[in-house]
């Protein structure tokens, strides 16, 4: 029986550039590093990981994306814009959440997501 999502992995073409984006720009905190080739960021009960792309895992990822939960979507978008990162589209407002799409340096889609309080 599946009990949780273990991790989401994105292949990247340039690890230092990707780390600068995910750690420096988005503010993720590195929790594990394996031989300088695999980097993990624990987020709640799930892990987001990056590693070098290869023939089986090319960039950008197609058919999947990572959605990072934030406390204040508007503040995060403003902070990112101040660093030169522009969202790919306008904020989407649904009955249960709000989110915005952006891209990492390899073109992988990333969502910033904020659940609405009920």
PDB file of N, CA and C in Angstrom:
ATOM      1  N   UNK A   1       0.835  -1.183   0.000  1.00  0.00           N
ATOM      2  CA  UNK A   1       0.000   0.000   0.000  1.00  0.00           C
ATOM      3  C   UNK A   1       0.880   1.246   0.000  1.00  0.00           C
ATOM      4  N   UNK A   2       0.586   2.186  -0.865  1.00  0.00           N
ATOM      5  CA  UNK A   2       1.332   3.447  -0.913  1.00  0.00           C
ATOM      6  C   UNK A   2       0.863   4.328   0.239  1.00  0.00           C
ATOM      7  N   UNK A   3       1.841   4.879   0.972  1.00  0.00           N
ATOM      8  CA  UNK A   3       1.498   5.681   2.142  1.00  0.00           C
ATOM      9  C   UNK A   3       1.852   7.161   2.001  1.00  0.00           C
ATOM     10  N   UNK A   4       2.782   7.493   1.085  1.00  0.00           N
ATOM     11  CA  UNK A   4       3.138   8.898   0.877  1.00  0.00           C
ATOM     12  C   UNK A   4       3.970   9.023  -0.391  1.00  0.00           C
ATOM     13  N   UNK A   5       4.241  10.248  -0.779  1.00  0.00           N
ATOM     14  CA  UNK A   5       5.114  10.527  -1.905  1.00  0.00           C
ATOM     15  C   UNK A   5       6.529  10.669  -1.359  1.00  0.00           C
ATOM     16  N   UNK A   6       7.441   9.804  -1.781  1.00  0.00           N
ATOM     17  CA  UNK A   6       8.804   9.808  -1.245  1.00  0.00           C
ATOM     18  C   UNK A   6       9.596  11.022  -1.711  1.00  0.00           C
ATOM     19  N   UNK A   7       9.626  11.251  -3.029  1.00  0.00           N
ATOM     20  CA  UNK A   7      10.358  12.401  -3.539  1.00  0.00           C
ATOM     21  C   UNK A   7       9.929  12.724  -4.955  1.00  0.00           C
ATOM     22  N   UNK A   8      10.249  13.946  -5.366  1.00  0.00           N
ATOM     23  CA  UNK A   8      10.113  14.405  -6.739  1.00  0.00           C
ATOM     24  C   UNK A   8      11.528  14.751  -7.188  1.00  0.00           C
ATOM     25  N   UNK A   9      11.914  14.311  -8.379  1.00  0.00           N
ATOM     26  CA  UNK A   9      13.266  14.523  -8.890  1.00  0.00           C
ATOM     27  C   UNK A   9      13.221  15.277 -10.214  1.00  0.00           C
ATOM     28  N   UNK A  10      14.071  16.290 -10.343  1.00  0.00           N
ATOM     29  CA  UNK A  10      14.236  16.998 -11.607  1.00  0.00           C
ATOM     30  C   UNK A  10      15.671  16.814 -12.087  1.00  0.00           C
ATOM     31  N   UNK A  11      15.837  16.354 -13.319  1.00  0.00           N
ATOM     32  CA  UNK A  11      17.178  16.358 -13.905  1.00  0.00           C
ATOM     33  C   UNK A  11      17.528  17.775 -14.344  1.00  0.00           C
ATOM     34  N   UNK A  12      18.783  18.142 -14.198  1.00  0.00           N
ATOM     35  CA  UNK A  12      19.238  19.482 -14.574  1.00  0.00           C
ATOM     36  C   UNK A  12      20.536  19.370 -15.383  1.00  0.00           C
ATOM     37  N   UNK A  13      20.780  20.356 -16.237  1.00  0.00           N
ATOM     38  CA  UNK A  13      21.975  20.314 -17.084  1.00  0.00           C
ATOM     39  C   UNK A  13      23.200  20.917 -16.407  1.00  0.00           C
ATOM     40  N   UNK A  14      22.999  21.755 -15.403  1.00  0.00           N
ATOM     41  CA  UNK A  14      24.098  22.454 -14.744  1.00  0.00           C
ATOM     42  C   UNK A  14      23.772  22.516 -13.250  1.00  0.00           C
ATOM     43  N   UNK A  15      24.394  21.642 -12.468  1.00  0.00           N
ATOM     44  CA  UNK A  15      24.073  21.556 -11.035  1.00  0.00           C
ATOM     45  C   UNK A  15      24.335  22.855 -10.273  1.00  0.00           C
ATOM     46  N   UNK A  16      25.477  23.523 -10.444  1.00  0.00           N
ATOM     47  CA  UNK A  16      25.674  24.781  -9.709  1.00  0.00           C
ATOM     48  C   UNK A  16      24.610  25.831 -10.047  1.00  0.00           C
ATOM     49  N   UNK A  17      24.253  25.937 -11.324  1.00  0.00           N
ATOM     50  CA  UNK A  17      23.226  26.907 -11.728  1.00  0.00           C
ATOM     51  C   UNK A  17      21.871  26.535 -11.132  1.00  0.00           C
ATOM     52  N   UNK A  18      21.535  25.240 -11.158  1.00  0.00           N
ATOM     53  CA  UNK A  18      20.262  24.794 -10.582  1.00  0.00           C
ATOM     54  C   UNK A  18      20.237  25.015  -9.078  1.00  0.00           C
ATOM     55  N   UNK A  19      21.331  24.721  -8.401  1.00  0.00           N
ATOM     56  CA  UNK A  19      21.379  24.947  -6.956  1.00  0.00           C
ATOM     57  C   UNK A  19      21.220  26.429  -6.645  1.00  0.00           C
ATOM     58  N   UNK A  20      21.840  27.286  -7.442  1.00  0.00           N
ATOM     59  CA  UNK A  20      21.696  28.735  -7.222  1.00  0.00           C
ATOM     60  C   UNK A  20      20.231  29.140  -7.355  1.00  0.00           C
ATOM     61  N   UNK A  21      19.509  28.547  -8.305  1.00  0.00           N
ATOM     62  CA  UNK A  21      18.099  28.861  -8.474  1.00  0.00           C
ATOM     63  C   UNK A  21      17.265  28.322  -7.318  1.00  0.00           C
ATOM     64  N   UNK A  22      17.375  27.030  -7.031  1.00  0.00           N
ATOM     65  CA  UNK A  22      16.510  26.428  -6.013  1.00  0.00           C
ATOM     66  C   UNK A  22      16.870  26.886  -4.595  1.00  0.00           C
ATOM     67  N   UNK A  23      18.152  27.049  -4.303  1.00  0.00           N
ATOM     68  CA  UNK A  23      18.553  27.485  -2.968  1.00  0.00           C
ATOM     69  C   UNK A  23      18.576  29.008  -2.859  1.00  0.00           C
ATOM     70  N   UNK A  24      19.214  29.668  -3.805  1.00  0.00           N
ATOM     71  CA  UNK A  24      19.363  31.119  -3.725  1.00  0.00           C
ATOM     72  C   UNK A  24      18.103  31.879  -4.088  1.00  0.00           C
ATOM     73  N   UNK A  25      17.482  31.520  -5.206  1.00  0.00           N
ATOM     74  CA  UNK A  25      16.313  32.259  -5.678  1.00  0.00           C
ATOM     75  C   UNK A  25      15.038  31.822  -4.970  1.00  0.00           C
ATOM     76  N   UNK A  26      14.768  30.506  -4.951  1.00  0.00           N
ATOM     77  CA  UNK A  26      13.535  30.034  -4.307  1.00  0.00           C
ATOM     78  C   UNK A  26      13.666  29.896  -2.798  1.00  0.00           C
ATOM     79  N   UNK A  27      14.884  29.743  -2.292  1.00  0.00           N
ATOM     80  CA  UNK A  27      15.088  29.677  -0.845  1.00  0.00           C
ATOM     81  C   UNK A  27      14.972  28.295  -0.235  1.00  0.00           C
ATOM     82  N   UNK A  28      15.068  27.228  -1.053  1.00  0.00           N
ATOM     83  CA  UNK A  28      15.045  25.880  -0.472  1.00  0.00           C
ATOM     84  C   UNK A  28      16.306  25.652   0.340  1.00  0.00           C
ATOM     85  N   UNK A  29      16.201  24.851   1.373  1.00  0.00           N
ATOM     86  CA  UNK A  29      17.341  24.542   2.244  1.00  0.00           C
ATOM     87  C   UNK A  29      17.827  23.127   1.945  1.00  0.00           C
ATOM     88  N   UNK A  30      19.108  23.017   1.567  1.00  0.00           N
ATOM     89  CA  UNK A  30      19.715  21.725   1.269  1.00  0.00           C
ATOM     90  C   UNK A  30      19.700  20.857   2.526  1.00  0.00           C
ATOM     91  N   UNK A  31      19.205  19.624   2.402  1.00  0.00           N
ATOM     92  CA  UNK A  31      19.184  18.719   3.547  1.00  0.00           C
ATOM     93  C   UNK A  31      20.097  17.515   3.362  1.00  0.00           C
ATOM     94  N   UNK A  32      20.341  17.098   2.119  1.00  0.00           N
ATOM     95  CA  UNK A  32      21.237  15.962   1.858  1.00  0.00           C
ATOM     96  C   UNK A  32      21.949  16.172   0.534  1.00  0.00           C
ATOM     97  N   UNK A  33      23.208  15.749   0.497  1.00  0.00           N
ATOM     98  CA  UNK A  33      23.997  15.791  -0.727  1.00  0.00           C
ATOM     99  C   UNK A  33      24.725  14.467  -0.845  1.00  0.00           C
ATOM    100  N   UNK A  34      24.700  13.879  -2.005  1.00  0.00           N
ATOM    101  CA  UNK A  34      25.326  12.582  -2.208  1.00  0.00           C
ATOM    102  C   UNK A  34      26.375  12.680  -3.309  1.00  0.00           C
ATOM    103  N   UNK A  35      27.639  12.758  -2.894  1.00  0.00           N
ATOM    104  CA  UNK A  35      28.755  12.765  -3.818  1.00  0.00           C
ATOM    105  C   UNK A  35      28.791  13.935  -4.781  1.00  0.00           C
ATOM    106  N   UNK A  36      28.147  15.032  -4.443  1.00  0.00           N
ATOM    107  CA  UNK A  36      28.127  16.180  -5.329  1.00  0.00           C
ATOM    108  C   UNK A  36      27.329  15.966  -6.601  1.00  0.00           C
ATOM    109  N   UNK A  37      26.541  14.862  -6.631  1.00  0.00           N
ATOM    110  CA  UNK A  37      25.795  14.533  -7.844  1.00  0.00           C
ATOM    111  C   UNK A  37      24.289  14.500  -7.643  1.00  0.00           C
ATOM    112  N   UNK A  38      23.829  14.462  -6.388  1.00  0.00           N
ATOM    113  CA  UNK A  38      22.397  14.370  -6.066  1.00  0.00           C
ATOM    114  C   UNK A  38      22.159  15.263  -4.864  1.00  0.00           C
ATOM    115  N   UNK A  39      21.199  16.178  -4.973  1.00  0.00           N
ATOM    116  CA  UNK A  39      20.933  17.144  -3.914  1.00  0.00           C
ATOM    117  C   UNK A  39      19.466  17.043  -3.512  1.00  0.00           C
ATOM    118  N   UNK A  40      19.214  16.999  -2.204  1.00  0.00           N
ATOM    119  CA  UNK A  40      17.847  16.845  -1.702  1.00  0.00           C
ATOM    120  C   UNK A  40      17.454  18.005  -0.794  1.00  0.00           C
ATOM    121  N   UNK A  41      16.163  18.328  -0.897  1.00  0.00           N
ATOM    122  CA  UNK A  41      15.556  19.389  -0.101  1.00  0.00           C
ATOM    123  C   UNK A  41      14.307  18.798   0.545  1.00  0.00           C
ATOM    124  N   UNK A  42      14.352  18.537   1.846  1.00  0.00           N
ATOM    125  CA  UNK A  42      13.191  17.984   2.548  1.00  0.00           C
ATOM    126  C   UNK A  42      12.175  19.090   2.776  1.00  0.00           C
ATOM    127  N   UNK A  43      10.934  18.799   2.388  1.00  0.00           N
ATOM    128  CA  UNK A  43       9.835  19.762   2.504  1.00  0.00           C
ATOM    129  C   UNK A  43       8.649  19.031   3.096  1.00  0.00           C
ATOM    130  N   UNK A  44       8.407  19.216   4.377  1.00  0.00           N
ATOM    131  CA  UNK A  44       7.345  18.462   5.030  1.00  0.00           C
ATOM    132  C   UNK A  44       7.691  16.987   5.004  1.00  0.00           C
ATOM    133  N   UNK A  45       6.753  16.157   4.536  1.00  0.00           N
ATOM    134  CA  UNK A  45       7.031  14.720   4.490  1.00  0.00           C
ATOM    135  C   UNK A  45       7.442  14.256   3.095  1.00  0.00           C
ATOM    136  N   UNK A  46       7.857  15.194   2.242  1.00  0.00           N
ATOM    137  CA  UNK A  46       8.289  14.876   0.886  1.00  0.00           C
ATOM    138  C   UNK A  46       9.653  15.508   0.632  1.00  0.00           C
ATOM    139  N   UNK A  47      10.377  14.969  -0.317  1.00  0.00           N
ATOM    140  CA  UNK A  47      11.681  15.494  -0.690  1.00  0.00           C
ATOM    141  C   UNK A  47      11.679  15.892  -2.153  1.00  0.00           C
ATOM    142  N   UNK A  48      12.288  17.036  -2.448  1.00  0.00           N
ATOM    143  CA  UNK A  48      12.539  17.472  -3.814  1.00  0.00           C
ATOM    144  C   UNK A  48      14.017  17.256  -4.062  1.00  0.00           C
ATOM    145  N   UNK A  49      14.376  16.657  -5.197  1.00  0.00           N
ATOM    146  CA  UNK A  49      15.775  16.356  -5.494  1.00  0.00           C
ATOM    147  C   UNK A  49      16.142  16.844  -6.887  1.00  0.00           C
ATOM    148  N   UNK A  50      17.422  17.198  -7.053  1.00  0.00           N
ATOM    149  CA  UNK A  50      17.976  17.511  -8.370  1.00  0.00           C
ATOM    150  C   UNK A  50      19.246  16.698  -8.571  1.00  0.00           C
ATOM    151  N   UNK A  51      19.508  16.339  -9.816  1.00  0.00           N
ATOM    152  CA  UNK A  51      20.730  15.634 -10.196  1.00  0.00           C
ATOM    153  C   UNK A  51      20.971  15.903 -11.673  1.00  0.00           C
ATOM    154  N   UNK A  52      22.147  15.543 -12.156  1.00  0.00           N
ATOM    155  CA  UNK A  52      22.483  15.785 -13.557  1.00  0.00           C
ATOM    156  C   UNK A  52      21.588  14.999 -14.492  1.00  0.00           C
ATOM    157  N   UNK A  53      21.217  15.638 -15.584  1.00  0.00           N
ATOM    158  CA  UNK A  53      20.424  14.962 -16.603  1.00  0.00           C
ATOM    159  C   UNK A  53      21.290  13.932 -17.315  1.00  0.00           C
ATOM    160  N   UNK A  54      20.619  12.949 -17.914  1.00  0.00           N
ATOM    161  CA  UNK A  54      21.303  11.936 -18.709  1.00  0.00           C
ATOM    162  C   UNK A  54      20.347  11.485 -19.807  1.00  0.00           C
ATOM    163  N   UNK A  55      20.741  10.482 -20.570  1.00  0.00           N
ATOM    164  CA  UNK A  55      19.915  10.036 -21.700  1.00  0.00           C
ATOM    165  C   UNK A  55      18.537   9.568 -21.256  1.00  0.00           C
ATOM    166  N   UNK A  56      18.429   8.964 -20.089  1.00  0.00           N
ATOM    167  CA  UNK A  56      17.145   8.482 -19.590  1.00  0.00           C
ATOM    168  C   UNK A  56      16.337   9.564 -18.887  1.00  0.00           C
ATOM    169  N   UNK A  57      17.001  10.640 -18.485  1.00  0.00           N
ATOM    170  CA  UNK A  57      16.352  11.730 -17.749  1.00  0.00           C
ATOM    171  C   UNK A  57      16.781  13.065 -18.346  1.00  0.00           C
ATOM    172  N   UNK A  58      16.251  13.415 -19.545  1.00  0.00           N
ATOM    173  CA  UNK A  58      16.644  14.675 -20.187  1.00  0.00           C
ATOM    174  C   UNK A  58      15.936  15.876 -19.568  1.00  0.00           C
ATOM    175  N   UNK A  59      16.427  17.051 -19.907  1.00  0.00           N
ATOM    176  CA  UNK A  59      15.780  18.287 -19.480  1.00  0.00           C
ATOM    177  C   UNK A  59      15.127  18.933 -20.690  1.00  0.00           C
ATOM    178  N   UNK A  60      14.106  19.731 -20.503  1.00  0.00           N
ATOM    179  CA  UNK A  60      13.334  19.836 -19.272  1.00  0.00           C
ATOM    180  C   UNK A  60      12.432  18.620 -19.088  1.00  0.00           C
ATOM    181  N   UNK A  61      11.951  18.442 -17.860  1.00  0.00           N
ATOM    182  CA  UNK A  61      11.035  17.360 -17.532  1.00  0.00           C
ATOM    183  C   UNK A  61       9.739  17.581 -18.306  1.00  0.00           C
ATOM    184  N   UNK A  62       9.168  16.524 -18.835  1.00  0.00           N
ATOM    185  CA  UNK A  62       7.890  16.626 -19.547  1.00  0.00           C
ATOM    186  C   UNK A  62       6.862  15.749 -18.845  1.00  0.00           C
ATOM    187  N   UNK A  63       5.703  16.314 -18.553  1.00  0.00           N
ATOM    188  CA  UNK A  63       4.612  15.533 -17.985  1.00  0.00           C
ATOM    189  C   UNK A  63       4.522  15.554 -16.478  1.00  0.00           C
ATOM    190  N   UNK A  64       5.448  16.224 -15.821  1.00  0.00           N
ATOM    191  CA  UNK A  64       5.393  16.315 -14.358  1.00  0.00           C
ATOM    192  C   UNK A  64       5.904  17.692 -13.953  1.00  0.00           C
ATOM    193  N   UNK A  65       5.509  18.128 -12.784  1.00  0.00           N
ATOM    194  CA  UNK A  65       6.049  19.373 -12.261  1.00  0.00           C
ATOM    195  C   UNK A  65       6.009  19.352 -10.750  1.00  0.00           C
ATOM    196  N   UNK A  66       6.822  20.190 -10.154  1.00  0.00           N
ATOM    197  CA  UNK A  66       6.847  20.318  -8.700  1.00  0.00           C
ATOM    198  C   UNK A  66       6.066  21.567  -8.325  1.00  0.00           C
ATOM    199  N   UNK A  67       5.235  21.445  -7.296  1.00  0.00           N
ATOM    200  CA  UNK A  67       4.476  22.580  -6.769  1.00  0.00           C
ATOM    201  C   UNK A  67       4.923  22.794  -5.329  1.00  0.00           C
ATOM    202  N   UNK A  68       5.488  23.959  -5.046  1.00  0.00           N
ATOM    203  CA  UNK A  68       5.978  24.288  -3.717  1.00  0.00           C
ATOM    204  C   UNK A  68       4.948  25.148  -2.999  1.00  0.00           C
ATOM    205  N   UNK A  69       4.566  24.713  -1.803  1.00  0.00           N
ATOM    206  CA  UNK A  69       3.587  25.449  -1.001  1.00  0.00           C
ATOM    207  C   UNK A  69       4.253  26.673  -0.376  1.00  0.00           C
ATOM    208  N   UNK A  70       3.569  27.823  -0.435  1.00  0.00           N
ATOM    209  CA  UNK A  70       4.058  29.061   0.175  1.00  0.00           C
ATOM    210  C   UNK A  70       2.976  29.632   1.083  1.00  0.00           C
ATOM    211  N   UNK A  71       3.385  30.455   2.039  1.00  0.00           N
ATOM    212  CA  UNK A  71       2.436  31.088   2.951  1.00  0.00           C
ATOM    213  C   UNK A  71       1.738  32.285   2.317  1.00  0.00           C
ATOM    214  N   UNK A  72       2.473  33.042   1.494  1.00  0.00           N
ATOM    215  CA  UNK A  72       1.945  34.274   0.909  1.00  0.00           C
ATOM    216  C   UNK A  72       2.390  34.350  -0.547  1.00  0.00           C
ATOM    217  N   UNK A  73       1.542  33.922  -1.443  1.00  0.00           N
ATOM    218  CA  UNK A  73       1.880  33.850  -2.865  1.00  0.00           C
ATOM    219  C   UNK A  73       2.245  35.216  -3.432  1.00  0.00           C
ATOM    220  N   UNK A  74       1.473  36.238  -3.097  1.00  0.00           N
ATOM    221  CA  UNK A  74       1.750  37.571  -3.631  1.00  0.00           C
ATOM    222  C   UNK A  74       3.123  38.077  -3.197  1.00  0.00           C
ATOM    223  N   UNK A  75       3.472  37.847  -1.949  1.00  0.00           N
ATOM    224  CA  UNK A  75       4.786  38.280  -1.455  1.00  0.00           C
ATOM    225  C   UNK A  75       5.909  37.513  -2.146  1.00  0.00           C
ATOM    226  N   UNK A  76       5.725  36.225  -2.376  1.00  0.00           N
ATOM    227  CA  UNK A  76       6.750  35.430  -3.064  1.00  0.00           C
ATOM    228  C   UNK A  76       6.928  35.883  -4.506  1.00  0.00           C
ATOM    229  N   UNK A  77       5.836  36.150  -5.194  1.00  0.00           N
ATOM    230  CA  UNK A  77       5.930  36.631  -6.575  1.00  0.00           C
ATOM    231  C   UNK A  77       6.649  37.972  -6.609  1.00  0.00           C
ATOM    232  N   UNK A  78       6.333  38.865  -5.689  1.00  0.00           N
ATOM    233  CA  UNK A  78       7.007  40.167  -5.630  1.00  0.00           C
ATOM    234  C   UNK A  78       8.499  39.988  -5.343  1.00  0.00           C
ATOM    235  N   UNK A  79       8.833  39.091  -4.425  1.00  0.00           N
ATOM    236  CA  UNK A  79      10.237  38.834  -4.093  1.00  0.00           C
ATOM    237  C   UNK A  79      10.988  38.295  -5.302  1.00  0.00           C
ATOM    238  N   UNK A  80      10.380  37.350  -6.010  1.00  0.00           N
ATOM    239  CA  UNK A  80      11.025  36.775  -7.190  1.00  0.00           C
ATOM    240  C   UNK A  80      11.197  37.810  -8.293  1.00  0.00           C
ATOM    241  N   UNK A  81      10.180  38.618  -8.507  1.00  0.00           N
ATOM    242  CA  UNK A  81      10.291  39.679  -9.527  1.00  0.00           C
ATOM    243  C   UNK A  81      11.449  40.625  -9.197  1.00  0.00           C
ATOM    244  N   UNK A  82      11.658  40.896  -7.917  1.00  0.00           N
ATOM    245  CA  UNK A  82      12.756  41.770  -7.506  1.00  0.00           C
ATOM    246  C   UNK A  82      14.115  41.158  -7.829  1.00  0.00           C
ATOM    247  N   UNK A  83      14.171  39.834  -7.945  1.00  0.00           N
ATOM    248  CA  UNK A  83      15.429  39.157  -8.307  1.00  0.00           C
ATOM    249  C   UNK A  83      15.540  38.938  -9.818  1.00  0.00           C
ATOM    250  N   UNK A  84      14.531  39.376 -10.578  1.00  0.00           N
ATOM    251  CA  UNK A  84      14.565  39.219 -12.023  1.00  0.00           C
ATOM    252  C   UNK A  84      13.845  37.995 -12.555  1.00  0.00           C
ATOM    253  N   UNK A  85      13.194  37.225 -11.685  1.00  0.00           N
ATOM    254  CA  UNK A  85      12.449  36.048 -12.118  1.00  0.00           C
ATOM    255  C   UNK A  85      11.006  36.448 -12.381  1.00  0.00           C
ATOM    256  N   UNK A  86      10.560  36.276 -13.607  1.00  0.00           N
ATOM    257  CA  UNK A  86       9.185  36.601 -13.981  1.00  0.00           C
ATOM    258  C   UNK A  86       8.361  35.326 -14.109  1.00  0.00           C
ATOM    259  N   UNK A  87       7.172  35.295 -13.559  1.00  0.00           N
ATOM    260  CA  UNK A  87       6.296  34.137 -13.740  1.00  0.00           C
ATOM    261  C   UNK A  87       6.008  33.906 -15.226  1.00  0.00           C
ATOM    262  N   UNK A  88       5.754  32.644 -15.565  1.00  0.00           N
ATOM    263  CA  UNK A  88       5.438  32.291 -16.948  1.00  0.00           C
ATOM    264  C   UNK A  88       4.038  32.750 -17.329  1.00  0.00           C
ATOM    265  N   UNK A  89       3.154  32.790 -16.348  1.00  0.00           N
ATOM    266  CA  UNK A  89       1.770  33.207 -16.567  1.00  0.00           C
ATOM    267  C   UNK A  89       1.296  33.968 -15.331  1.00  0.00           C
ATOM    268  N   UNK A  90       0.141  34.570 -15.443  1.00  0.00           N
ATOM    269  CA  UNK A  90      -0.456  35.285 -14.308  1.00  0.00           C
ATOM    270  C   UNK A  90      -0.888  34.287 -13.233  1.00  0.00           C
ATOM    271  N   UNK A  91      -1.081  34.794 -12.035  1.00  0.00           N
ATOM    272  CA  UNK A  91      -1.573  33.963 -10.934  1.00  0.00           C
ATOM    273  C   UNK A  91      -2.941  33.404 -11.299  1.00  0.00           C
ATOM    274  N   UNK A  92      -3.113  32.122 -11.035  1.00  0.00           N
ATOM    275  CA  UNK A  92      -4.387  31.442 -11.270  1.00  0.00           C
ATOM    276  C   UNK A  92      -5.095  31.323  -9.929  1.00  0.00           C
ATOM    277  N   UNK A  93      -6.362  31.684  -9.900  1.00  0.00           N
ATOM    278  CA  UNK A  93      -7.163  31.644  -8.679  1.00  0.00           C
ATOM    279  C   UNK A  93      -8.259  30.596  -8.863  1.00  0.00           C
ATOM    280  N   UNK A  94      -8.261  29.564  -8.003  1.00  0.00           N
ATOM    281  CA  UNK A  94      -9.280  28.512  -8.060  1.00  0.00           C
ATOM    282  C   UNK A  94     -10.080  28.547  -6.758  1.00  0.00           C
ATOM    283  N   UNK A  95     -11.131  27.768  -6.649  1.00  0.00           N
ATOM    284  CA  UNK A  95     -11.897  27.755  -5.400  1.00  0.00           C
ATOM    285  C   UNK A  95     -11.091  27.280  -4.183  1.00  0.00           C
ATOM    286  N   UNK A  96     -10.039  26.481  -4.389  1.00  0.00           N
ATOM    287  CA  UNK A  96      -9.310  25.913  -3.252  1.00  0.00           C
ATOM    288  C   UNK A  96      -7.883  26.425  -3.102  1.00  0.00           C
ATOM    289  N   UNK A  97      -7.350  27.077  -4.149  1.00  0.00           N
ATOM    290  CA  UNK A  97      -5.959  27.521  -4.082  1.00  0.00           C
ATOM    291  C   UNK A  97      -5.691  28.633  -5.075  1.00  0.00           C
ATOM    292  N   UNK A  98      -4.483  29.184  -4.965  1.00  0.00           N
ATOM    293  CA  UNK A  98      -3.941  30.121  -5.944  1.00  0.00           C
ATOM    294  C   UNK A  98      -2.548  29.611  -6.280  1.00  0.00           C
ATOM    295  N   UNK A  99      -2.130  29.773  -7.545  1.00  0.00           N
ATOM    296  CA  UNK A  99      -0.790  29.334  -7.918  1.00  0.00           C
ATOM    297  C   UNK A  99      -0.271  30.130  -9.095  1.00  0.00           C
ATOM    298  N   UNK A 100       1.037  30.074  -9.252  1.00  0.00           N
ATOM    299  CA  UNK A 100       1.704  30.727 -10.368  1.00  0.00           C
ATOM    300  C   UNK A 100       2.779  29.785 -10.895  1.00  0.00           C
ATOM    301  N   UNK A 101       3.004  29.835 -12.187  1.00  0.00           N
ATOM    302  CA  UNK A 101       3.982  28.992 -12.852  1.00  0.00           C
ATOM    303  C   UNK A 101       5.237  29.797 -13.182  1.00  0.00           C
ATOM    304  N   UNK A 102       6.393  29.176 -12.994  1.00  0.00           N
ATOM    305  CA  UNK A 102       7.653  29.755 -13.433  1.00  0.00           C
ATOM    306  C   UNK A 102       8.547  28.628 -13.914  1.00  0.00           C
ATOM    307  N   UNK A 103       9.708  28.971 -14.450  1.00  0.00           N
ATOM    308  CA  UNK A 103      10.611  27.955 -14.979  1.00  0.00           C
ATOM    309  C   UNK A 103      11.992  28.080 -14.348  1.00  0.00           C
ATOM    310  N   UNK A 104      12.607  26.915 -14.092  1.00  0.00           N
ATOM    311  CA  UNK A 104      13.979  26.923 -13.598  1.00  0.00           C
ATOM    312  C   UNK A 104      14.916  27.161 -14.784  1.00  0.00           C
ATOM    313  N   UNK A 105      16.233  27.261 -14.568  1.00  0.00           N
ATOM    314  CA  UNK A 105      17.145  27.564 -15.671  1.00  0.00           C
ATOM    315  C   UNK A 105      17.122  26.545 -16.815  1.00  0.00           C
ATOM    316  N   UNK A 106      16.673  25.310 -16.569  1.00  0.00           N
ATOM    317  CA  UNK A 106      16.583  24.298 -17.625  1.00  0.00           C
ATOM    318  C   UNK A 106      15.229  24.279 -18.314  1.00  0.00           C
ATOM    319  N   UNK A 107      14.308  25.127 -17.876  1.00  0.00           N
ATOM    320  CA  UNK A 107      12.977  25.135 -18.471  1.00  0.00           C
ATOM    321  C   UNK A 107      11.998  24.206 -17.790  1.00  0.00           C
ATOM    322  N   UNK A 108      12.394  23.579 -16.666  1.00  0.00           N
ATOM    323  CA  UNK A 108      11.463  22.758 -15.897  1.00  0.00           C
ATOM    324  C   UNK A 108      10.415  23.666 -15.276  1.00  0.00           C
ATOM    325  N   UNK A 109       9.146  23.275 -15.381  1.00  0.00           N
ATOM    326  CA  UNK A 109       8.083  24.083 -14.798  1.00  0.00           C
ATOM    327  C   UNK A 109       8.019  23.859 -13.292  1.00  0.00           C
ATOM    328  N   UNK A 110       7.867  24.934 -12.567  1.00  0.00           N
ATOM    329  CA  UNK A 110       7.746  24.937 -11.113  1.00  0.00           C
ATOM    330  C   UNK A 110       6.521  25.773 -10.772  1.00  0.00           C
ATOM    331  N   UNK A 111       5.694  25.288  -9.850  1.00  0.00           N
ATOM    332  CA  UNK A 111       4.568  26.076  -9.375  1.00  0.00           C
ATOM    333  C   UNK A 111       4.852  26.555  -7.971  1.00  0.00           C
ATOM    334  N   UNK A 112       4.422  27.769  -7.680  1.00  0.00           N
ATOM    335  CA  UNK A 112       4.317  28.234  -6.307  1.00  0.00           C
ATOM    336  C   UNK A 112       2.828  28.201  -6.007  1.00  0.00           C
ATOM    337  N   UNK A 113       2.457  27.568  -4.917  1.00  0.00           N
ATOM    338  CA  UNK A 113       1.068  27.221  -4.626  1.00  0.00           C
ATOM    339  C   UNK A 113       0.699  27.710  -3.233  1.00  0.00           C
ATOM    340  N   UNK A 114      -0.493  28.250  -3.085  1.00  0.00           N
ATOM    341  CA  UNK A 114      -0.985  28.659  -1.768  1.00  0.00           C
ATOM    342  C   UNK A 114      -2.397  28.138  -1.596  1.00  0.00           C
ATOM    343  N   UNK A 115      -2.568  27.261  -0.612  1.00  0.00           N
ATOM    344  CA  UNK A 115      -3.912  26.767  -0.299  1.00  0.00           C
ATOM    345  C   UNK A 115      -4.736  27.892   0.306  1.00  0.00           C
ATOM    346  N   UNK A 116      -6.007  27.914  -0.012  1.00  0.00           N
ATOM    347  CA  UNK A 116      -6.904  28.895   0.609  1.00  0.00           C
ATOM    348  C   UNK A 116      -7.368  28.347   1.946  1.00  0.00           C
ATOM    349  N   UNK A 117      -7.451  29.234   2.893  1.00  0.00           N
ATOM    350  CA  UNK A 117      -7.931  28.837   4.219  1.00  0.00           C
ATOM    351  C   UNK A 117      -9.441  28.651   4.156  1.00  0.00           C
ATOM    352  N   UNK A 118      -9.901  27.608   4.798  1.00  0.00           N
ATOM    353  CA  UNK A 118     -11.349  27.343   4.785  1.00  0.00           C
ATOM    354  C   UNK A 118     -11.961  27.655   6.123  1.00  0.00           C
TER     355      UNK A 118
END
